[in-house]
Amino acid sequence: MNLKFVENVKADITSDIVYMMCPMHLLKLEEHMKELDSGQVLELLTDYDGALEDIPAWWLKTGNEFIGIDEAEDYYKIYIKKARKTVS
């Protein structure tokens, strides 16, 4: 998977998990996605390099949309849009 780099993305919720150990990036991601409405964006701040592999695998599995990554000096900002609910 190719990582898409973005700038100036407006997020609805920011989760700062810089300095937290694995698997906090996935646990916090799940927790905050439950707080969002469909179409809203989560900004996840992390310095964990493994998140660059784990989070894309997560959004592919869950159907949420990966917007991209912005790389700050000491951490990554990962943006994910909550999937729209489908009518069944």
N, C-alpha and C. Protein backbone atom coordinates (compact mmCIF):
# COMPACT_ATOMS: atom_id res chain seq x y z
N MET A 1 0.83 -1.17 0.00
CA MET A 1 0.00 0.00 0.00
C MET A 1 0.88 1.25 0.00
N ASN A 2 0.52 2.22 -0.81
CA ASN A 2 1.25 3.49 -0.84
C ASN A 2 0.63 4.45 0.17
N LEU A 3 1.46 5.08 0.98
CA LEU A 3 0.97 6.06 1.93
C LEU A 3 0.77 7.39 1.22
N LYS A 4 -0.33 8.03 1.52
CA LYS A 4 -0.65 9.32 0.92
C LYS A 4 -0.36 10.41 1.94
N PHE A 5 0.47 11.36 1.56
CA PHE A 5 0.82 12.45 2.46
C PHE A 5 -0.06 13.65 2.16
N VAL A 6 -0.59 14.27 3.22
CA VAL A 6 -1.52 15.38 3.11
C VAL A 6 -1.09 16.50 4.05
N GLU A 7 -1.68 17.68 3.85
CA GLU A 7 -1.43 18.81 4.75
C GLU A 7 -2.74 19.52 5.01
N ASN A 8 -2.82 20.17 6.16
CA ASN A 8 -3.95 21.04 6.50
C ASN A 8 -5.31 20.35 6.46
N VAL A 9 -5.37 19.14 6.96
CA VAL A 9 -6.65 18.42 7.05
C VAL A 9 -7.36 18.87 8.32
N LYS A 10 -8.64 19.18 8.21
CA LYS A 10 -9.43 19.58 9.37
C LYS A 10 -10.06 18.34 9.99
N ALA A 11 -9.72 18.10 11.25
CA ALA A 11 -10.25 16.93 11.96
C ALA A 11 -11.36 17.34 12.91
N ASP A 12 -12.30 16.43 13.14
CA ASP A 12 -13.37 16.65 14.10
C ASP A 12 -12.93 16.27 15.51
N ILE A 13 -12.06 15.27 15.62
CA ILE A 13 -11.51 14.82 16.90
C ILE A 13 -10.02 14.55 16.71
N THR A 14 -9.21 14.94 17.70
CA THR A 14 -7.79 14.62 17.70
C THR A 14 -7.49 13.73 18.89
N SER A 15 -6.75 12.66 18.64
CA SER A 15 -6.32 11.76 19.69
C SER A 15 -4.79 11.75 19.73
N ASP A 16 -4.23 12.27 20.83
CA ASP A 16 -2.79 12.35 20.98
C ASP A 16 -2.30 11.13 21.77
N ILE A 17 -1.69 10.21 21.04
CA ILE A 17 -1.16 9.01 21.70
C ILE A 17 0.36 8.92 21.52
N VAL A 18 1.00 10.07 21.32
CA VAL A 18 2.46 10.12 21.23
C VAL A 18 3.03 9.60 22.55
N TYR A 19 4.04 8.78 22.46
CA TYR A 19 4.73 8.14 23.59
C TYR A 19 3.96 6.97 24.19
N MET A 20 2.80 6.61 23.67
CA MET A 20 2.08 5.44 24.18
C MET A 20 2.58 4.20 23.46
N MET A 21 2.64 3.12 24.18
CA MET A 21 3.13 1.85 23.64
C MET A 21 2.05 1.14 22.83
N CYS A 22 2.49 0.29 21.94
CA CYS A 22 1.60 -0.58 21.18
C CYS A 22 0.85 -1.48 22.18
N PRO A 23 -0.40 -1.73 22.06
CA PRO A 23 -1.34 -1.53 20.96
C PRO A 23 -2.26 -0.33 21.16
N MET A 24 -1.82 0.69 21.88
CA MET A 24 -2.69 1.83 22.17
C MET A 24 -3.18 2.53 20.92
N HIS A 25 -2.39 2.54 19.86
CA HIS A 25 -2.82 3.22 18.64
C HIS A 25 -4.10 2.61 18.08
N LEU A 26 -4.24 1.30 18.15
CA LEU A 26 -5.46 0.66 17.66
C LEU A 26 -6.60 0.75 18.67
N LEU A 27 -6.30 0.66 19.95
CA LEU A 27 -7.34 0.76 20.96
C LEU A 27 -7.96 2.16 20.99
N LYS A 28 -7.13 3.19 20.93
CA LYS A 28 -7.63 4.56 20.91
C LYS A 28 -8.36 4.86 19.60
N LEU A 29 -7.87 4.31 18.53
CA LEU A 29 -8.52 4.48 17.24
C LEU A 29 -9.95 3.95 17.28
N GLU A 30 -10.12 2.74 17.76
CA GLU A 30 -11.45 2.13 17.89
C GLU A 30 -12.34 2.96 18.81
N GLU A 31 -11.80 3.39 19.94
CA GLU A 31 -12.56 4.17 20.91
C GLU A 31 -13.08 5.48 20.30
N HIS A 32 -12.21 6.20 19.62
CA HIS A 32 -12.60 7.49 19.06
C HIS A 32 -13.51 7.35 17.84
N MET A 33 -13.36 6.31 17.07
CA MET A 33 -14.22 6.13 15.91
C MET A 33 -15.67 5.94 16.35
N LYS A 34 -15.87 5.37 17.52
CA LYS A 34 -17.24 5.21 18.06
C LYS A 34 -17.87 6.55 18.40
N GLU A 35 -17.05 7.56 18.70
CA GLU A 35 -17.54 8.89 19.06
C GLU A 35 -17.93 9.71 17.83
N LEU A 36 -17.41 9.33 16.67
CA LEU A 36 -17.64 10.11 15.46
C LEU A 36 -18.93 9.72 14.76
N ASP A 37 -19.53 10.69 14.07
CA ASP A 37 -20.64 10.41 13.17
C ASP A 37 -20.06 10.07 11.81
N SER A 38 -20.85 9.43 10.98
CA SER A 38 -20.40 9.10 9.63
C SER A 38 -19.95 10.35 8.92
N GLY A 39 -18.80 10.26 8.25
CA GLY A 39 -18.26 11.37 7.49
C GLY A 39 -17.32 12.27 8.28
N GLN A 40 -17.27 12.11 9.60
CA GLN A 40 -16.36 12.92 10.40
C GLN A 40 -14.95 12.33 10.36
N VAL A 41 -13.97 13.18 10.69
CA VAL A 41 -12.56 12.80 10.55
C VAL A 41 -11.85 12.76 11.91
N LEU A 42 -11.08 11.70 12.10
CA LEU A 42 -10.24 11.53 13.29
C LEU A 42 -8.79 11.82 12.90
N GLU A 43 -8.11 12.61 13.73
CA GLU A 43 -6.68 12.85 13.59
C GLU A 43 -6.00 12.10 14.73
N LEU A 44 -5.15 11.15 14.39
CA LEU A 44 -4.45 10.34 15.38
C LEU A 44 -2.98 10.76 15.36
N LEU A 45 -2.48 11.25 16.49
CA LEU A 45 -1.08 11.66 16.60
C LEU A 45 -0.30 10.53 17.26
N THR A 46 0.71 10.02 16.57
CA THR A 46 1.49 8.91 17.11
C THR A 46 2.93 8.98 16.63
N ASP A 47 3.84 8.50 17.46
CA ASP A 47 5.24 8.40 17.08
C ASP A 47 5.63 6.94 16.84
N TYR A 48 4.65 6.05 16.85
CA TYR A 48 4.89 4.62 16.69
C TYR A 48 4.94 4.27 15.20
N ASP A 49 6.13 3.88 14.72
CA ASP A 49 6.30 3.55 13.30
C ASP A 49 5.40 2.39 12.85
N GLY A 50 5.13 1.47 13.74
CA GLY A 50 4.28 0.33 13.41
C GLY A 50 2.86 0.73 13.02
N ALA A 51 2.44 1.91 13.46
CA ALA A 51 1.10 2.41 13.12
C ALA A 51 0.96 2.60 11.61
N LEU A 52 2.07 2.85 10.93
CA LEU A 52 2.02 3.06 9.48
C LEU A 52 1.63 1.79 8.74
N GLU A 53 1.77 0.65 9.37
CA GLU A 53 1.32 -0.62 8.80
C GLU A 53 0.00 -1.07 9.43
N ASP A 54 -0.11 -0.94 10.74
CA ASP A 54 -1.28 -1.44 11.46
C ASP A 54 -2.56 -0.68 11.12
N ILE A 55 -2.48 0.63 11.05
CA ILE A 55 -3.70 1.43 10.83
C ILE A 55 -4.25 1.24 9.42
N PRO A 56 -3.43 1.23 8.36
CA PRO A 56 -4.01 0.92 7.04
C PRO A 56 -4.67 -0.45 6.99
N ALA A 57 -4.10 -1.44 7.65
CA ALA A 57 -4.72 -2.76 7.70
C ALA A 57 -6.07 -2.68 8.42
N TRP A 58 -6.14 -1.86 9.48
CA TRP A 58 -7.38 -1.70 10.23
C TRP A 58 -8.46 -1.06 9.38
N TRP A 59 -8.14 0.08 8.69
CA TRP A 59 -9.19 0.75 7.93
C TRP A 59 -9.64 -0.07 6.74
N LEU A 60 -8.76 -0.86 6.15
CA LEU A 60 -9.19 -1.76 5.06
C LEU A 60 -10.19 -2.79 5.58
N LYS A 61 -9.92 -3.30 6.78
CA LYS A 61 -10.78 -4.31 7.38
C LYS A 61 -12.13 -3.74 7.81
N THR A 62 -12.15 -2.48 8.27
CA THR A 62 -13.38 -1.91 8.84
C THR A 62 -14.20 -1.12 7.84
N GLY A 63 -13.64 -0.80 6.68
CA GLY A 63 -14.39 -0.04 5.69
C GLY A 63 -14.35 1.46 5.88
N ASN A 64 -13.56 1.95 6.84
CA ASN A 64 -13.40 3.39 7.02
C ASN A 64 -12.43 3.90 5.96
N GLU A 65 -12.37 5.22 5.78
CA GLU A 65 -11.56 5.80 4.71
C GLU A 65 -10.29 6.43 5.24
N PHE A 66 -9.16 5.99 4.72
CA PHE A 66 -7.87 6.59 5.04
C PHE A 66 -7.72 7.85 4.19
N ILE A 67 -7.56 8.99 4.85
CA ILE A 67 -7.39 10.25 4.13
C ILE A 67 -5.91 10.48 3.81
N GLY A 68 -5.04 10.26 4.80
CA GLY A 68 -3.62 10.42 4.57
C GLY A 68 -2.85 10.67 5.84
N ILE A 69 -1.57 10.93 5.66
CA ILE A 69 -0.64 11.14 6.78
C ILE A 69 0.07 12.47 6.58
N ASP A 70 0.23 13.19 7.67
CA ASP A 70 1.05 14.41 7.68
C ASP A 70 2.17 14.12 8.67
N GLU A 71 3.40 14.31 8.26
CA GLU A 71 4.54 13.99 9.13
C GLU A 71 5.06 15.25 9.80
N ALA A 72 4.91 15.33 11.10
CA ALA A 72 5.47 16.42 11.89
C ALA A 72 6.91 16.06 12.26
N GLU A 73 7.58 16.91 13.00
CA GLU A 73 8.98 16.67 13.32
C GLU A 73 9.18 15.40 14.16
N ASP A 74 8.33 15.19 15.17
CA ASP A 74 8.52 14.07 16.10
C ASP A 74 7.42 13.02 16.08
N TYR A 75 6.42 13.19 15.22
CA TYR A 75 5.31 12.25 15.20
C TYR A 75 4.56 12.33 13.87
N TYR A 76 3.66 11.37 13.69
CA TYR A 76 2.81 11.32 12.52
C TYR A 76 1.41 11.79 12.89
N LYS A 77 0.72 12.42 11.94
CA LYS A 77 -0.69 12.74 12.08
C LYS A 77 -1.40 11.88 11.03
N ILE A 78 -2.21 10.95 11.49
CA ILE A 78 -2.91 10.03 10.60
C ILE A 78 -4.38 10.42 10.59
N TYR A 79 -4.95 10.57 9.40
CA TYR A 79 -6.33 11.02 9.26
C TYR A 79 -7.21 9.91 8.69
N ILE A 80 -8.32 9.65 9.39
CA ILE A 80 -9.25 8.62 8.98
C ILE A 80 -10.67 9.18 9.04
N LYS A 81 -11.43 8.94 7.98
CA LYS A 81 -12.82 9.38 7.93
C LYS A 81 -13.73 8.19 8.24
N LYS A 82 -14.66 8.40 9.14
CA LYS A 82 -15.59 7.34 9.50
C LYS A 82 -16.50 7.06 8.32
N ALA A 83 -16.69 5.79 8.03
CA ALA A 83 -17.51 5.37 6.89
C ALA A 83 -18.95 5.79 7.06
N ARG A 84 -19.56 6.08 5.96
CA ARG A 84 -20.98 6.39 5.97
C ARG A 84 -21.74 5.11 6.25
N LYS A 85 -22.81 5.23 6.99
CA LYS A 85 -23.62 4.07 7.30
C LYS A 85 -24.42 3.68 6.07
N THR A 86 -24.51 2.39 5.84
CA THR A 86 -25.28 1.92 4.70
C THR A 86 -26.67 1.51 5.16
N VAL A 87 -27.62 1.68 4.30
CA VAL A 87 -29.00 1.30 4.61
C VAL A 87 -29.21 -0.12 4.13
N SER A 88 -29.70 -0.98 5.01
CA SER A 88 -29.90 -2.38 4.60
C SER A 88 -31.35 -2.71 4.44
